[in-house]
Amino acid sequence: MPVPQIGSAPITAVAHPYAEPEDAQAAVDAAFAEARKTGRKVLIDFGANWCPDCRVLAGVLTHPAVSPWVDQTFSVVSVNVDHFNKNMDIAKKFGITIKAIPVALIVTPEGKVLNGDETLALGDARRISGQAVVDKLAAWAKRS
């Protein structure tokens, strides 16, 4: 499936994209199990419901022009870090220290982080275009 083109289509922020923090490890485990079955990479979205950029990033991922491509390309899991006091251990397992959100990690089914050099590249989701977000995800998805 080619990278979607959303052009100037409006992006709607998602009100509560992150589940309760206590559910995160099980969700991460399920995403990796799915990725191993399908061969897709895992997109781990670390954020919080209070974070405007996190909510906009979730809006891009669920945009009607983008979500089919995201679903075909990634096993997506959102990890609620609350106020940087929850699930930080999950990020540390991947060698990442979270100091700002959102953090988007692209990880192989075997656990290799592919964009460790750019974890905050989508951190300004309110100010960059939805297309720029998609293009960055597509570039990361090509890494191995």
C-alpha atoms as a PDB file:
ATOM      1  CA  MET A   1       0.000   0.000   0.000  1.00  0.00           C
ATOM      2  CA  PRO A   2       1.467   3.386  -0.970  1.00  0.00           C
ATOM      3  CA  VAL A   3       2.014   6.083   1.634  1.00  0.00           C
ATOM      4  CA  PRO A   4      -1.284   7.952   2.015  1.00  0.00           C
ATOM      5  CA  GLN A   5      -1.583  11.539   0.905  1.00  0.00           C
ATOM      6  CA  ILE A   6      -3.756  13.623   3.190  1.00  0.00           C
ATOM      7  CA  GLY A   7      -2.819  16.992   1.775  1.00  0.00           C
ATOM      8  CA  SER A   8      -4.518  19.796   3.668  1.00  0.00           C
ATOM      9  CA  ALA A   9      -7.254  17.601   5.147  1.00  0.00           C
ATOM     10  CA  PRO A  10      -8.005  18.754   8.688  1.00  0.00           C
ATOM     11  CA  ILE A  11      -6.688  16.651  11.551  1.00  0.00           C
ATOM     12  CA  THR A  12      -8.952  16.222  14.561  1.00  0.00           C
ATOM     13  CA  ALA A  13      -7.290  15.691  17.919  1.00  0.00           C
ATOM     14  CA  VAL A  14      -8.469  12.559  19.726  1.00  0.00           C
ATOM     15  CA  ALA A  15      -9.904  13.353  23.164  1.00  0.00           C
ATOM     16  CA  HIS A  16      -8.577  10.335  25.101  1.00  0.00           C
ATOM     17  CA  PRO A  17      -6.279   8.193  22.949  1.00  0.00           C
ATOM     18  CA  TYR A  18      -4.450   6.538  25.860  1.00  0.00           C
ATOM     19  CA  ALA A  19      -5.840   3.726  27.998  1.00  0.00           C
ATOM     20  CA  GLU A  20      -5.236   3.542  31.717  1.00  0.00           C
ATOM     21  CA  PRO A  21      -1.503   3.327  32.489  1.00  0.00           C
ATOM     22  CA  GLU A  22      -1.935  -0.023  34.228  1.00  0.00           C
ATOM     23  CA  ASP A  23      -2.935  -1.667  30.932  1.00  0.00           C
ATOM     24  CA  ALA A  24       0.213  -0.679  29.028  1.00  0.00           C
ATOM     25  CA  GLN A  25       2.508  -3.688  29.460  1.00  0.00           C
ATOM     26  CA  ALA A  26      -0.203  -6.140  28.366  1.00  0.00           C
ATOM     27  CA  ALA A  27      -0.955  -3.947  25.343  1.00  0.00           C
ATOM     28  CA  VAL A  28       2.743  -3.787  24.399  1.00  0.00           C
ATOM     29  CA  ASP A  29       3.049  -7.553  24.736  1.00  0.00           C
ATOM     30  CA  ALA A  30      -0.020  -8.035  22.510  1.00  0.00           C
ATOM     31  CA  ALA A  31       1.353  -5.633  19.870  1.00  0.00           C
ATOM     32  CA  PHE A  32       4.629  -7.545  19.702  1.00  0.00           C
ATOM     33  CA  ALA A  33       2.804 -10.891  19.492  1.00  0.00           C
ATOM     34  CA  GLU A  34       0.769  -9.524  16.580  1.00  0.00           C
ATOM     35  CA  ALA A  35       3.890  -8.110  14.914  1.00  0.00           C
ATOM     36  CA  ARG A  36       5.659 -11.467  15.113  1.00  0.00           C
ATOM     37  CA  LYS A  37       2.667 -13.133  13.422  1.00  0.00           C
ATOM     38  CA  THR A  38       2.238 -10.500  10.707  1.00  0.00           C
ATOM     39  CA  GLY A  39       5.793  -9.281  10.140  1.00  0.00           C
ATOM     40  CA  ARG A  40       4.740  -5.669  10.742  1.00  0.00           C
ATOM     41  CA  LYS A  41       6.822  -3.305  12.799  1.00  0.00           C
ATOM     42  CA  VAL A  42       5.541  -2.057  16.149  1.00  0.00           C
ATOM     43  CA  LEU A  43       4.691   1.612  16.569  1.00  0.00           C
ATOM     44  CA  ILE A  44       4.807   2.461  20.266  1.00  0.00           C
ATOM     45  CA  ASP A  45       3.205   5.824  20.966  1.00  0.00           C
ATOM     46  CA  PHE A  46       4.238   7.097  24.407  1.00  0.00           C
ATOM     47  CA  GLY A  47       2.055   9.953  25.571  1.00  0.00           C
ATOM     48  CA  ALA A  48      -0.753  11.129  27.821  1.00  0.00           C
ATOM     49  CA  ASN A  49      -4.325  12.336  27.441  1.00  0.00           C
ATOM     50  CA  TRP A  50      -3.451  15.800  28.816  1.00  0.00           C
ATOM     51  CA  CYS A  51      -0.853  16.370  26.052  1.00  0.00           C
ATOM     52  CA  PRO A  52      -2.175  18.345  23.033  1.00  0.00           C
ATOM     53  CA  ASP A  53       0.571  17.109  20.677  1.00  0.00           C
ATOM     54  CA  CYS A  54      -0.155  13.507  21.713  1.00  0.00           C
ATOM     55  CA  ARG A  55      -3.842  13.963  20.928  1.00  0.00           C
ATOM     56  CA  VAL A  56      -3.027  15.462  17.514  1.00  0.00           C
ATOM     57  CA  LEU A  57      -0.638  12.599  16.729  1.00  0.00           C
ATOM     58  CA  ALA A  58      -3.443  10.171  17.597  1.00  0.00           C
ATOM     59  CA  GLY A  59      -5.682  12.149  15.240  1.00  0.00           C
ATOM     60  CA  VAL A  60      -3.220  11.662  12.389  1.00  0.00           C
ATOM     61  CA  LEU A  61      -2.937   7.927  13.079  1.00  0.00           C
ATOM     62  CA  THR A  62      -6.728   7.533  13.047  1.00  0.00           C
ATOM     63  CA  HIS A  63      -7.404   9.853  10.096  1.00  0.00           C
ATOM     64  CA  PRO A  64      -9.567   7.995   7.532  1.00  0.00           C
ATOM     65  CA  ALA A  65      -6.957   8.441   4.783  1.00  0.00           C
ATOM     66  CA  VAL A  66      -4.132   7.237   7.042  1.00  0.00           C
ATOM     67  CA  SER A  67      -5.484   4.526   9.349  1.00  0.00           C
ATOM     68  CA  PRO A  68      -5.668   1.726   6.726  1.00  0.00           C
ATOM     69  CA  TRP A  69      -2.000   2.311   5.867  1.00  0.00           C
ATOM     70  CA  VAL A  70      -1.027   2.497   9.554  1.00  0.00           C
ATOM     71  CA  ASP A  71      -2.902  -0.753  10.261  1.00  0.00           C
ATOM     72  CA  GLN A  72      -1.177  -2.501   7.346  1.00  0.00           C
ATOM     73  CA  THR A  73       2.275  -1.174   8.236  1.00  0.00           C
ATOM     74  CA  PHE A  74       2.379  -1.277  12.046  1.00  0.00           C
ATOM     75  CA  SER A  75       1.077  -2.989  15.121  1.00  0.00           C
ATOM     76  CA  VAL A  76       0.219   0.159  17.041  1.00  0.00           C
ATOM     77  CA  VAL A  77       0.222   0.442  20.810  1.00  0.00           C
ATOM     78  CA  SER A  78      -0.333   3.584  22.848  1.00  0.00           C
ATOM     79  CA  VAL A  79       1.399   3.766  26.210  1.00  0.00           C
ATOM     80  CA  ASN A  80       0.122   6.227  28.796  1.00  0.00           C
ATOM     81  CA  VAL A  81       3.006   7.770  30.722  1.00  0.00           C
ATOM     82  CA  ASP A  82       0.660  10.016  32.738  1.00  0.00           C
ATOM     83  CA  HIS A  83       2.845  12.827  34.155  1.00  0.00           C
ATOM     84  CA  PHE A  84       6.119  11.013  33.406  1.00  0.00           C
ATOM     85  CA  ASN A  85       5.448   8.781  36.395  1.00  0.00           C
ATOM     86  CA  LYS A  86       3.972   5.692  34.712  1.00  0.00           C
ATOM     87  CA  ASN A  87       5.373   3.112  32.291  1.00  0.00           C
ATOM     88  CA  MET A  88       8.789   4.712  32.057  1.00  0.00           C
ATOM     89  CA  ASP A  89      10.196   1.207  32.529  1.00  0.00           C
ATOM     90  CA  ILE A  90       8.699   0.174  29.173  1.00  0.00           C
ATOM     91  CA  ALA A  91      10.667   2.915  27.397  1.00  0.00           C
ATOM     92  CA  LYS A  92      13.838   1.978  29.300  1.00  0.00           C
ATOM     93  CA  LYS A  93      13.549  -1.603  27.970  1.00  0.00           C
ATOM     94  CA  PHE A  94      14.144  -0.071  24.542  1.00  0.00           C
ATOM     95  CA  GLY A  95      17.003   2.147  25.731  1.00  0.00           C
ATOM     96  CA  ILE A  96      14.868   5.291  25.725  1.00  0.00           C
ATOM     97  CA  THR A  97      14.499   7.881  28.459  1.00  0.00           C
ATOM     98  CA  ILE A  98      11.340   9.916  28.040  1.00  0.00           C
ATOM     99  CA  LYS A  99      11.705  13.590  28.895  1.00  0.00           C
ATOM    100  CA  ALA A 100       8.988  14.962  26.593  1.00  0.00           C
ATOM    101  CA  ILE A 101       5.987  13.507  24.769  1.00  0.00           C
ATOM    102  CA  PRO A 102       4.805  12.288  22.385  1.00  0.00           C
ATOM    103  CA  VAL A 103       7.542   9.781  21.705  1.00  0.00           C
ATOM    104  CA  ALA A 104       6.977   7.495  18.743  1.00  0.00           C
ATOM    105  CA  LEU A 105       9.166   4.401  18.576  1.00  0.00           C
ATOM    106  CA  ILE A 106       9.329   2.111  15.573  1.00  0.00           C
ATOM    107  CA  VAL A 107      10.491  -1.327  16.693  1.00  0.00           C
ATOM    108  CA  THR A 108      11.028  -4.583  14.828  1.00  0.00           C
ATOM    109  CA  PRO A 109       9.080  -7.630  16.039  1.00  0.00           C
ATOM    110  CA  GLU A 110      12.378  -8.793  17.563  1.00  0.00           C
ATOM    111  CA  GLY A 111      12.701  -5.605  19.639  1.00  0.00           C
ATOM    112  CA  LYS A 112      15.228  -3.522  17.662  1.00  0.00           C
ATOM    113  CA  VAL A 113      14.438   0.217  17.811  1.00  0.00           C
ATOM    114  CA  LEU A 114      14.683   1.700  14.314  1.00  0.00           C
ATOM    115  CA  ASN A 115      14.309   5.404  15.082  1.00  0.00           C
ATOM    116  CA  GLY A 116      16.153   5.834  18.372  1.00  0.00           C
ATOM    117  CA  ASP A 117      17.884   8.858  16.875  1.00  0.00           C
ATOM    118  CA  GLU A 118      14.576  10.660  16.261  1.00  0.00           C
ATOM    119  CA  THR A 119      12.261   9.790  19.135  1.00  0.00           C
ATOM    120  CA  LEU A 120      11.001  13.359  19.492  1.00  0.00           C
ATOM    121  CA  ALA A 121      10.596  14.079  15.780  1.00  0.00           C
ATOM    122  CA  LEU A 122       6.801  14.073  16.107  1.00  0.00           C
ATOM    123  CA  GLY A 123       6.793  15.949  19.396  1.00  0.00           C
ATOM    124  CA  ASP A 124       5.499  19.121  17.780  1.00  0.00           C
ATOM    125  CA  ALA A 125       2.526  17.426  16.121  1.00  0.00           C
ATOM    126  CA  ARG A 126       0.320  20.515  16.475  1.00  0.00           C
ATOM    127  CA  ARG A 127       2.686  22.585  14.355  1.00  0.00           C
ATOM    128  CA  ILE A 128       3.721  20.159  11.644  1.00  0.00           C
ATOM    129  CA  SER A 129       1.371  18.953   8.967  1.00  0.00           C
ATOM    130  CA  GLY A 130      -0.387  15.624   9.136  1.00  0.00           C
ATOM    131  CA  GLN A 131       1.381  14.746   5.902  1.00  0.00           C
ATOM    132  CA  ALA A 132       4.777  15.441   7.498  1.00  0.00           C
ATOM    133  CA  VAL A 133       3.871  13.002  10.293  1.00  0.00           C
ATOM    134  CA  VAL A 134       2.891  10.334   7.766  1.00  0.00           C
ATOM    135  CA  ASP A 135       6.034  10.921   5.712  1.00  0.00           C
ATOM    136  CA  LYS A 136       8.237  10.557   8.807  1.00  0.00           C
ATOM    137  CA  LEU A 137       6.471   7.315   9.816  1.00  0.00           C
ATOM    138  CA  ALA A 138       6.896   5.993   6.269  1.00  0.00           C
ATOM    139  CA  ALA A 139      10.610   6.770   6.288  1.00  0.00           C
ATOM    140  CA  TRP A 140      11.035   4.989   9.621  1.00  0.00           C
ATOM    141  CA  ALA A 141       9.003   2.002   8.407  1.00  0.00           C
ATOM    142  CA  LYS A 142      11.549   1.472   5.610  1.00  0.00           C
ATOM    143  CA  ARG A 143      14.418   1.044   8.065  1.00  0.00           C
ATOM    144  CA  SER A 144      15.595  -2.413   9.025  1.00  0.00           C
END
